[in-house]
Amino acid sequence: MVNSGFSIVLVIAFTVLLCWNFEGILEPILQQEGMNITIGQIKLWLPKIFYGFIVMTSCMTSITSSLISLEGKSYLITKSLPVLPEKILLAKVFMSNLISIPIILVCDVIFFVTFKISILDMVYIILASILVPTFTAMLGILVNLKYPKMNAISDTEVVKQSMSSGIAIMIGFMIGSLAIALLVLGHRDETTIVELMAFGIGILVLNKTLKTYGVKRFKEID
């Protein structure tokens, strides 16, 4: 979990560092020659910066991309349980969210209290903190179902060296980078709304895929 969810550690570190000594970090940078940006101007962009950071780190947090492979030889026991496969898969998504979302929301609250941002920005950040980890968790479990590694010698091999982990992180990086690029180019709240709607629609599509293709792959894996 620590290896797969290391981006969550970055969220905690970034939030604490930002809220503890914001001006102290920026002053040496802003004093450099050619820097015509003030701390006040950066504060105006701070909600978008924090939002973008949450999106990127959440996209690259792929706990579920190794959960099927980690079961290894005990996977047959999981398949024999008197529980619908789709419920087992969704339970893994829920478990991932239970680890990541509360931590991100706590960091959100610390950021809100420290910088007293607008209610609208709070809503955007909170929605991103819920939608993006859910999207990533569903994507990760589907990738792992597609490329399982059931004969790994150790858990480290599954998490750090398996194809599913690498693909999930790469896809997450590309989606996160695209979201941030659109945010920078858009400069408007409409861009953020469109992004959040896209993640919401993505969750619905992945949920449907999980209940069809995901269940099929769950039964096929030996």
C-alpha atoms as a PDB file:
ATOM      1  CA  MET A   1       0.000   0.000   0.000  1.00  0.00           C
ATOM      2  CA  VAL A   2       2.868   2.385   0.809  1.00  0.00           C
ATOM      3  CA  ASN A   3       4.500   1.782  -2.580  1.00  0.00           C
ATOM      4  CA  SER A   4       1.275   2.008  -4.575  1.00  0.00           C
ATOM      5  CA  GLY A   5      -0.046   5.006  -2.690  1.00  0.00           C
ATOM      6  CA  PHE A   6       3.155   7.004  -2.298  1.00  0.00           C
ATOM      7  CA  SER A   7       1.509   9.970  -4.040  1.00  0.00           C
ATOM      8  CA  ILE A   8      -0.767  10.298  -1.006  1.00  0.00           C
ATOM      9  CA  VAL A   9       2.346  10.863   1.099  1.00  0.00           C
ATOM     10  CA  LEU A  10       3.278  13.673  -1.308  1.00  0.00           C
ATOM     11  CA  VAL A  11      -0.153  15.265  -0.765  1.00  0.00           C
ATOM     12  CA  ILE A  12       0.429  15.323   2.985  1.00  0.00           C
ATOM     13  CA  ALA A  13       3.964  16.689   2.637  1.00  0.00           C
ATOM     14  CA  PHE A  14       2.935  19.361   0.100  1.00  0.00           C
ATOM     15  CA  THR A  15      -0.017  20.517   2.208  1.00  0.00           C
ATOM     16  CA  VAL A  16       1.999  20.757   5.424  1.00  0.00           C
ATOM     17  CA  LEU A  17       4.861  22.563   3.698  1.00  0.00           C
ATOM     18  CA  LEU A  18       2.526  24.966   1.897  1.00  0.00           C
ATOM     19  CA  CYS A  19       0.463  25.832   4.964  1.00  0.00           C
ATOM     20  CA  TRP A  20       3.328  25.964   7.439  1.00  0.00           C
ATOM     21  CA  ASN A  21       5.720  28.319   5.648  1.00  0.00           C
ATOM     22  CA  PHE A  22       4.121  29.573   2.434  1.00  0.00           C
ATOM     23  CA  GLU A  23       5.741  33.021   2.273  1.00  0.00           C
ATOM     24  CA  GLY A  24       9.078  31.754   3.549  1.00  0.00           C
ATOM     25  CA  ILE A  25       9.284  29.278   0.661  1.00  0.00           C
ATOM     26  CA  LEU A  26       8.375  31.822  -1.996  1.00  0.00           C
ATOM     27  CA  GLU A  27      10.413  34.851  -0.896  1.00  0.00           C
ATOM     28  CA  PRO A  28      13.851  33.527  -2.028  1.00  0.00           C
ATOM     29  CA  ILE A  29      12.319  32.588  -5.397  1.00  0.00           C
ATOM     30  CA  LEU A  30      10.535  35.897  -5.933  1.00  0.00           C
ATOM     31  CA  GLN A  31      13.644  37.903  -5.020  1.00  0.00           C
ATOM     32  CA  GLN A  32      15.522  36.518  -8.008  1.00  0.00           C
ATOM     33  CA  GLU A  33      16.167  38.883 -10.886  1.00  0.00           C
ATOM     34  CA  GLY A  34      13.466  38.911 -13.546  1.00  0.00           C
ATOM     35  CA  MET A  35      10.695  37.641 -11.259  1.00  0.00           C
ATOM     36  CA  ASN A  36       7.827  40.112 -11.613  1.00  0.00           C
ATOM     37  CA  ILE A  37       5.326  38.095  -9.634  1.00  0.00           C
ATOM     38  CA  THR A  38       4.147  39.027  -6.144  1.00  0.00           C
ATOM     39  CA  ILE A  39       3.012  36.733  -3.338  1.00  0.00           C
ATOM     40  CA  GLY A  40      -0.466  38.234  -3.683  1.00  0.00           C
ATOM     41  CA  GLN A  41      -0.659  37.176  -7.322  1.00  0.00           C
ATOM     42  CA  ILE A  42       0.431  33.654  -6.452  1.00  0.00           C
ATOM     43  CA  LYS A  43      -2.232  33.487  -3.734  1.00  0.00           C
ATOM     44  CA  LEU A  44      -4.869  34.220  -6.367  1.00  0.00           C
ATOM     45  CA  TRP A  45      -3.684  31.150  -8.299  1.00  0.00           C
ATOM     46  CA  LEU A  46      -3.174  29.013  -5.204  1.00  0.00           C
ATOM     47  CA  PRO A  47      -6.594  27.265  -5.290  1.00  0.00           C
ATOM     48  CA  LYS A  48      -5.970  26.203  -8.905  1.00  0.00           C
ATOM     49  CA  ILE A  49      -2.443  25.073  -8.047  1.00  0.00           C
ATOM     50  CA  PHE A  50      -3.717  22.971  -5.140  1.00  0.00           C
ATOM     51  CA  TYR A  51      -6.549  21.591  -7.287  1.00  0.00           C
ATOM     52  CA  GLY A  52      -4.064  20.609 -10.009  1.00  0.00           C
ATOM     53  CA  PHE A  53      -1.785  18.966  -7.455  1.00  0.00           C
ATOM     54  CA  ILE A  54      -4.683  16.915  -6.062  1.00  0.00           C
ATOM     55  CA  VAL A  55      -5.661  15.802  -9.569  1.00  0.00           C
ATOM     56  CA  MET A  56      -2.119  14.797 -10.552  1.00  0.00           C
ATOM     57  CA  THR A  57      -1.286  12.917  -7.342  1.00  0.00           C
ATOM     58  CA  SER A  58      -4.673  11.165  -7.329  1.00  0.00           C
ATOM     59  CA  CYS A  59      -4.216  10.097 -10.967  1.00  0.00           C
ATOM     60  CA  MET A  60      -0.851   8.566 -10.091  1.00  0.00           C
ATOM     61  CA  THR A  61      -2.099   6.772  -6.963  1.00  0.00           C
ATOM     62  CA  SER A  62      -2.902   3.280  -8.213  1.00  0.00           C
ATOM     63  CA  ILE A  63      -3.462   1.024  -5.228  1.00  0.00           C
ATOM     64  CA  THR A  64      -5.917  -1.229  -7.074  1.00  0.00           C
ATOM     65  CA  SER A  65      -3.584  -1.929 -10.009  1.00  0.00           C
ATOM     66  CA  SER A  66      -1.948  -4.728  -8.000  1.00  0.00           C
ATOM     67  CA  LEU A  67      -4.757  -6.006  -5.763  1.00  0.00           C
ATOM     68  CA  ILE A  68      -5.737  -8.953  -8.001  1.00  0.00           C
ATOM     69  CA  SER A  69      -2.110  -9.992  -8.525  1.00  0.00           C
ATOM     70  CA  LEU A  70      -1.352  -9.760  -4.794  1.00  0.00           C
ATOM     71  CA  GLU A  71      -3.867 -12.505  -4.071  1.00  0.00           C
ATOM     72  CA  GLY A  72      -1.730 -14.994  -6.004  1.00  0.00           C
ATOM     73  CA  LYS A  73      -2.504 -18.589  -5.049  1.00  0.00           C
ATOM     74  CA  SER A  74      -5.333 -17.504  -2.721  1.00  0.00           C
ATOM     75  CA  TYR A  75      -7.219 -16.031  -5.699  1.00  0.00           C
ATOM     76  CA  LEU A  76      -9.148 -19.295  -6.174  1.00  0.00           C
ATOM     77  CA  ILE A  77     -10.441 -18.926  -2.620  1.00  0.00           C
ATOM     78  CA  THR A  78     -11.714 -15.446  -3.479  1.00  0.00           C
ATOM     79  CA  LYS A  79     -13.459 -16.808  -6.589  1.00  0.00           C
ATOM     80  CA  SER A  80     -15.178 -19.508  -4.533  1.00  0.00           C
ATOM     81  CA  LEU A  81     -16.764 -17.047  -2.103  1.00  0.00           C
ATOM     82  CA  PRO A  82     -20.591 -16.847  -2.252  1.00  0.00           C
ATOM     83  CA  VAL A  83     -20.399 -13.201  -3.319  1.00  0.00           C
ATOM     84  CA  LEU A  84     -21.075 -11.693  -6.731  1.00  0.00           C
ATOM     85  CA  PRO A  85     -17.806 -10.935  -8.590  1.00  0.00           C
ATOM     86  CA  GLU A  86     -18.860  -7.346  -9.216  1.00  0.00           C
ATOM     87  CA  LYS A  87     -19.270  -6.809  -5.474  1.00  0.00           C
ATOM     88  CA  ILE A  88     -15.786  -8.195  -4.844  1.00  0.00           C
ATOM     89  CA  LEU A  89     -14.306  -5.854  -7.439  1.00  0.00           C
ATOM     90  CA  LEU A  90     -16.222  -2.825  -6.171  1.00  0.00           C
ATOM     91  CA  ALA A  91     -15.127  -3.699  -2.632  1.00  0.00           C
ATOM     92  CA  LYS A  92     -11.514  -3.368  -3.762  1.00  0.00           C
ATOM     93  CA  VAL A  93     -12.321   0.058  -5.221  1.00  0.00           C
ATOM     94  CA  PHE A  94     -14.023   1.048  -1.972  1.00  0.00           C
ATOM     95  CA  MET A  95     -11.022  -0.129   0.038  1.00  0.00           C
ATOM     96  CA  SER A  96      -8.713   2.017  -2.089  1.00  0.00           C
ATOM     97  CA  ASN A  97     -10.975   5.026  -1.588  1.00  0.00           C
ATOM     98  CA  LEU A  98     -11.130   4.365   2.131  1.00  0.00           C
ATOM     99  CA  ILE A  99      -7.345   4.706   2.261  1.00  0.00           C
ATOM    100  CA  SER A 100      -6.855   7.702  -0.013  1.00  0.00           C
ATOM    101  CA  ILE A 101      -9.937   9.956   0.084  1.00  0.00           C
ATOM    102  CA  PRO A 102     -10.088  10.654   3.860  1.00  0.00           C
ATOM    103  CA  ILE A 103      -6.400  11.636   3.863  1.00  0.00           C
ATOM    104  CA  ILE A 104      -6.883  13.973   0.894  1.00  0.00           C
ATOM    105  CA  LEU A 105      -9.993  15.533   2.467  1.00  0.00           C
ATOM    106  CA  VAL A 106      -8.126  16.230   5.700  1.00  0.00           C
ATOM    107  CA  CYS A 107      -5.403  17.972   3.660  1.00  0.00           C
ATOM    108  CA  ASP A 108      -8.150  19.926   1.892  1.00  0.00           C
ATOM    109  CA  VAL A 109      -9.546  21.170   5.193  1.00  0.00           C
ATOM    110  CA  ILE A 110      -6.084  22.244   6.381  1.00  0.00           C
ATOM    111  CA  PHE A 111      -5.598  24.157   3.119  1.00  0.00           C
ATOM    112  CA  PHE A 112      -9.050  25.781   3.339  1.00  0.00           C
ATOM    113  CA  VAL A 113      -8.542  26.949   6.922  1.00  0.00           C
ATOM    114  CA  THR A 114      -5.044  28.294   6.239  1.00  0.00           C
ATOM    115  CA  PHE A 115      -5.777  30.273   3.066  1.00  0.00           C
ATOM    116  CA  LYS A 116      -9.522  30.987   3.430  1.00  0.00           C
ATOM    117  CA  ILE A 117     -10.321  30.416  -0.246  1.00  0.00           C
ATOM    118  CA  SER A 118     -13.730  30.917  -1.867  1.00  0.00           C
ATOM    119  CA  ILE A 119     -16.588  28.459  -1.404  1.00  0.00           C
ATOM    120  CA  LEU A 120     -16.623  27.726  -5.139  1.00  0.00           C
ATOM    121  CA  ASP A 121     -12.940  26.728  -5.109  1.00  0.00           C
ATOM    122  CA  MET A 122     -13.626  24.577  -2.047  1.00  0.00           C
ATOM    123  CA  VAL A 123     -16.348  22.734  -3.965  1.00  0.00           C
ATOM    124  CA  TYR A 124     -14.035  22.147  -6.945  1.00  0.00           C
ATOM    125  CA  ILE A 125     -11.243  20.795  -4.753  1.00  0.00           C
ATOM    126  CA  ILE A 126     -13.538  18.547  -2.687  1.00  0.00           C
ATOM    127  CA  LEU A 127     -15.151  17.110  -5.824  1.00  0.00           C
ATOM    128  CA  ALA A 128     -11.717  16.449  -7.326  1.00  0.00           C
ATOM    129  CA  SER A 129     -10.643  14.787  -4.070  1.00  0.00           C
ATOM    130  CA  ILE A 130     -13.529  12.308  -4.374  1.00  0.00           C
ATOM    131  CA  LEU A 131     -13.985  11.823  -8.112  1.00  0.00           C
ATOM    132  CA  VAL A 132     -10.367  11.463  -9.246  1.00  0.00           C
ATOM    133  CA  PRO A 133      -9.308   8.790  -6.692  1.00  0.00           C
ATOM    134  CA  THR A 134     -12.485   6.826  -7.513  1.00  0.00           C
ATOM    135  CA  PHE A 135     -11.759   7.069 -11.251  1.00  0.00           C
ATOM    136  CA  THR A 136      -8.155   5.948 -10.718  1.00  0.00           C
ATOM    137  CA  ALA A 137      -9.185   3.056  -8.460  1.00  0.00           C
ATOM    138  CA  MET A 138     -11.640   1.709 -11.050  1.00  0.00           C
ATOM    139  CA  LEU A 139      -9.121   2.141 -13.846  1.00  0.00           C
ATOM    140  CA  GLY A 140      -6.442   0.354 -11.809  1.00  0.00           C
ATOM    141  CA  ILE A 141      -8.559  -2.704 -11.060  1.00  0.00           C
ATOM    142  CA  LEU A 142      -9.511  -3.038 -14.743  1.00  0.00           C
ATOM    143  CA  VAL A 143      -5.873  -2.807 -15.833  1.00  0.00           C
ATOM    144  CA  ASN A 144      -4.906  -5.460 -13.280  1.00  0.00           C
ATOM    145  CA  LEU A 145      -7.687  -7.738 -14.511  1.00  0.00           C
ATOM    146  CA  LYS A 146      -6.335  -7.319 -18.035  1.00  0.00           C
ATOM    147  CA  TYR A 147      -2.685  -7.932 -17.065  1.00  0.00           C
ATOM    148  CA  PRO A 148      -2.616 -10.047 -13.877  1.00  0.00           C
ATOM    149  CA  LYS A 149       0.623 -11.442 -12.480  1.00  0.00           C
ATOM    150  CA  MET A 150      -0.467 -14.396 -10.395  1.00  0.00           C
ATOM    151  CA  ASN A 151       2.877 -16.211 -10.124  1.00  0.00           C
ATOM    152  CA  ALA A 152       4.984 -13.432  -8.586  1.00  0.00           C
ATOM    153  CA  ILE A 153       7.665 -14.492  -6.109  1.00  0.00           C
ATOM    154  CA  SER A 154       7.091 -11.513  -3.814  1.00  0.00           C
ATOM    155  CA  ASP A 155       4.685  -8.636  -3.259  1.00  0.00           C
ATOM    156  CA  THR A 156       7.417  -6.194  -4.279  1.00  0.00           C
ATOM    157  CA  GLU A 157       7.559  -7.813  -7.711  1.00  0.00           C
ATOM    158  CA  VAL A 158       3.810  -7.308  -8.113  1.00  0.00           C
ATOM    159  CA  VAL A 159       3.792  -3.666  -7.047  1.00  0.00           C
ATOM    160  CA  LYS A 160       7.012  -2.409  -8.631  1.00  0.00           C
ATOM    161  CA  GLN A 161       7.661  -4.691 -11.584  1.00  0.00           C
ATOM    162  CA  SER A 162       4.294  -5.827 -12.917  1.00  0.00           C
ATOM    163  CA  MET A 163       2.884  -4.606 -16.226  1.00  0.00           C
ATOM    164  CA  SER A 164      -0.444  -3.585 -14.672  1.00  0.00           C
ATOM    165  CA  SER A 165       1.172  -1.212 -12.160  1.00  0.00           C
ATOM    166  CA  GLY A 166       3.328   0.394 -14.842  1.00  0.00           C
ATOM    167  CA  ILE A 167       0.445   0.825 -17.284  1.00  0.00           C
ATOM    168  CA  ALA A 168      -1.923   2.204 -14.625  1.00  0.00           C
ATOM    169  CA  ILE A 169       0.612   4.796 -13.467  1.00  0.00           C
ATOM    170  CA  MET A 170       1.460   5.778 -17.054  1.00  0.00           C
ATOM    171  CA  ILE A 171      -2.217   6.246 -17.963  1.00  0.00           C
ATOM    172  CA  GLY A 172      -2.769   8.191 -14.740  1.00  0.00           C
ATOM    173  CA  PHE A 173       0.208  10.438 -15.512  1.00  0.00           C
ATOM    174  CA  MET A 174      -1.114  11.189 -19.011  1.00  0.00           C
ATOM    175  CA  ILE A 175      -4.635  11.944 -17.768  1.00  0.00           C
ATOM    176  CA  GLY A 176      -3.316  14.123 -14.935  1.00  0.00           C
ATOM    177  CA  SER A 177      -0.987  16.003 -17.278  1.00  0.00           C
ATOM    178  CA  LEU A 178      -3.832  16.625 -19.735  1.00  0.00           C
ATOM    179  CA  ALA A 179      -6.084  17.892 -16.938  1.00  0.00           C
ATOM    180  CA  ILE A 180      -3.427  20.334 -15.713  1.00  0.00           C
ATOM    181  CA  ALA A 181      -2.619  21.499 -19.262  1.00  0.00           C
ATOM    182  CA  LEU A 182      -6.300  22.248 -19.888  1.00  0.00           C
ATOM    183  CA  LEU A 183      -6.499  24.041 -16.548  1.00  0.00           C
ATOM    184  CA  VAL A 184      -3.539  26.277 -17.405  1.00  0.00           C
ATOM    185  CA  LEU A 185      -4.769  27.015 -20.920  1.00  0.00           C
ATOM    186  CA  GLY A 186      -8.408  27.522 -19.918  1.00  0.00           C
ATOM    187  CA  HIS A 187      -7.934  30.088 -17.134  1.00  0.00           C
ATOM    188  CA  ARG A 188     -11.647  29.790 -16.316  1.00  0.00           C
ATOM    189  CA  ASP A 189     -13.937  27.977 -13.892  1.00  0.00           C
ATOM    190  CA  GLU A 190     -15.716  26.423 -16.874  1.00  0.00           C
ATOM    191  CA  THR A 191     -12.581  24.382 -17.601  1.00  0.00           C
ATOM    192  CA  THR A 192     -12.589  22.963 -14.071  1.00  0.00           C
ATOM    193  CA  ILE A 193     -16.294  22.137 -14.312  1.00  0.00           C
ATOM    194  CA  VAL A 194     -15.770  20.325 -17.622  1.00  0.00           C
ATOM    195  CA  GLU A 195     -12.873  18.335 -16.131  1.00  0.00           C
ATOM    196  CA  LEU A 196     -14.901  17.286 -13.098  1.00  0.00           C
ATOM    197  CA  MET A 197     -17.822  16.288 -15.328  1.00  0.00           C
ATOM    198  CA  ALA A 198     -15.408  14.250 -17.481  1.00  0.00           C
ATOM    199  CA  PHE A 199     -14.138  12.380 -14.416  1.00  0.00           C
ATOM    200  CA  GLY A 200     -17.740  11.776 -13.298  1.00  0.00           C
ATOM    201  CA  ILE A 201     -18.707  10.370 -16.703  1.00  0.00           C
ATOM    202  CA  GLY A 202     -15.504   8.327 -16.711  1.00  0.00           C
ATOM    203  CA  ILE A 203     -16.507   6.753 -13.396  1.00  0.00           C
ATOM    204  CA  LEU A 204     -19.902   5.751 -14.818  1.00  0.00           C
ATOM    205  CA  VAL A 205     -18.264   4.218 -17.898  1.00  0.00           C
ATOM    206  CA  LEU A 206     -15.651   2.366 -15.847  1.00  0.00           C
ATOM    207  CA  ASN A 207     -18.324   1.137 -13.428  1.00  0.00           C
ATOM    208  CA  LYS A 208     -20.287  -0.321 -16.346  1.00  0.00           C
ATOM    209  CA  THR A 209     -17.113  -1.860 -17.784  1.00  0.00           C
ATOM    210  CA  LEU A 210     -16.252  -3.337 -14.387  1.00  0.00           C
ATOM    211  CA  LYS A 211     -19.635  -5.054 -14.208  1.00  0.00           C
ATOM    212  CA  THR A 212     -19.321  -6.540 -17.701  1.00  0.00           C
ATOM    213  CA  TYR A 213     -15.751  -7.009 -18.918  1.00  0.00           C
ATOM    214  CA  GLY A 214     -14.369  -6.930 -15.352  1.00  0.00           C
ATOM    215  CA  VAL A 215     -16.629  -9.736 -14.144  1.00  0.00           C
ATOM    216  CA  LYS A 216     -15.784 -11.778 -17.237  1.00  0.00           C
ATOM    217  CA  ARG A 217     -12.034 -11.417 -16.651  1.00  0.00           C
ATOM    218  CA  PHE A 218     -12.471 -12.127 -12.935  1.00  0.00           C
ATOM    219  CA  LYS A 219     -13.945 -15.525 -13.812  1.00  0.00           C
ATOM    220  CA  GLU A 220     -11.351 -16.297 -16.502  1.00  0.00           C
ATOM    221  CA  ILE A 221      -8.224 -15.735 -14.356  1.00  0.00           C
ATOM    222  CA  ASP A 222      -6.867 -18.945 -12.787  1.00  0.00           C
END
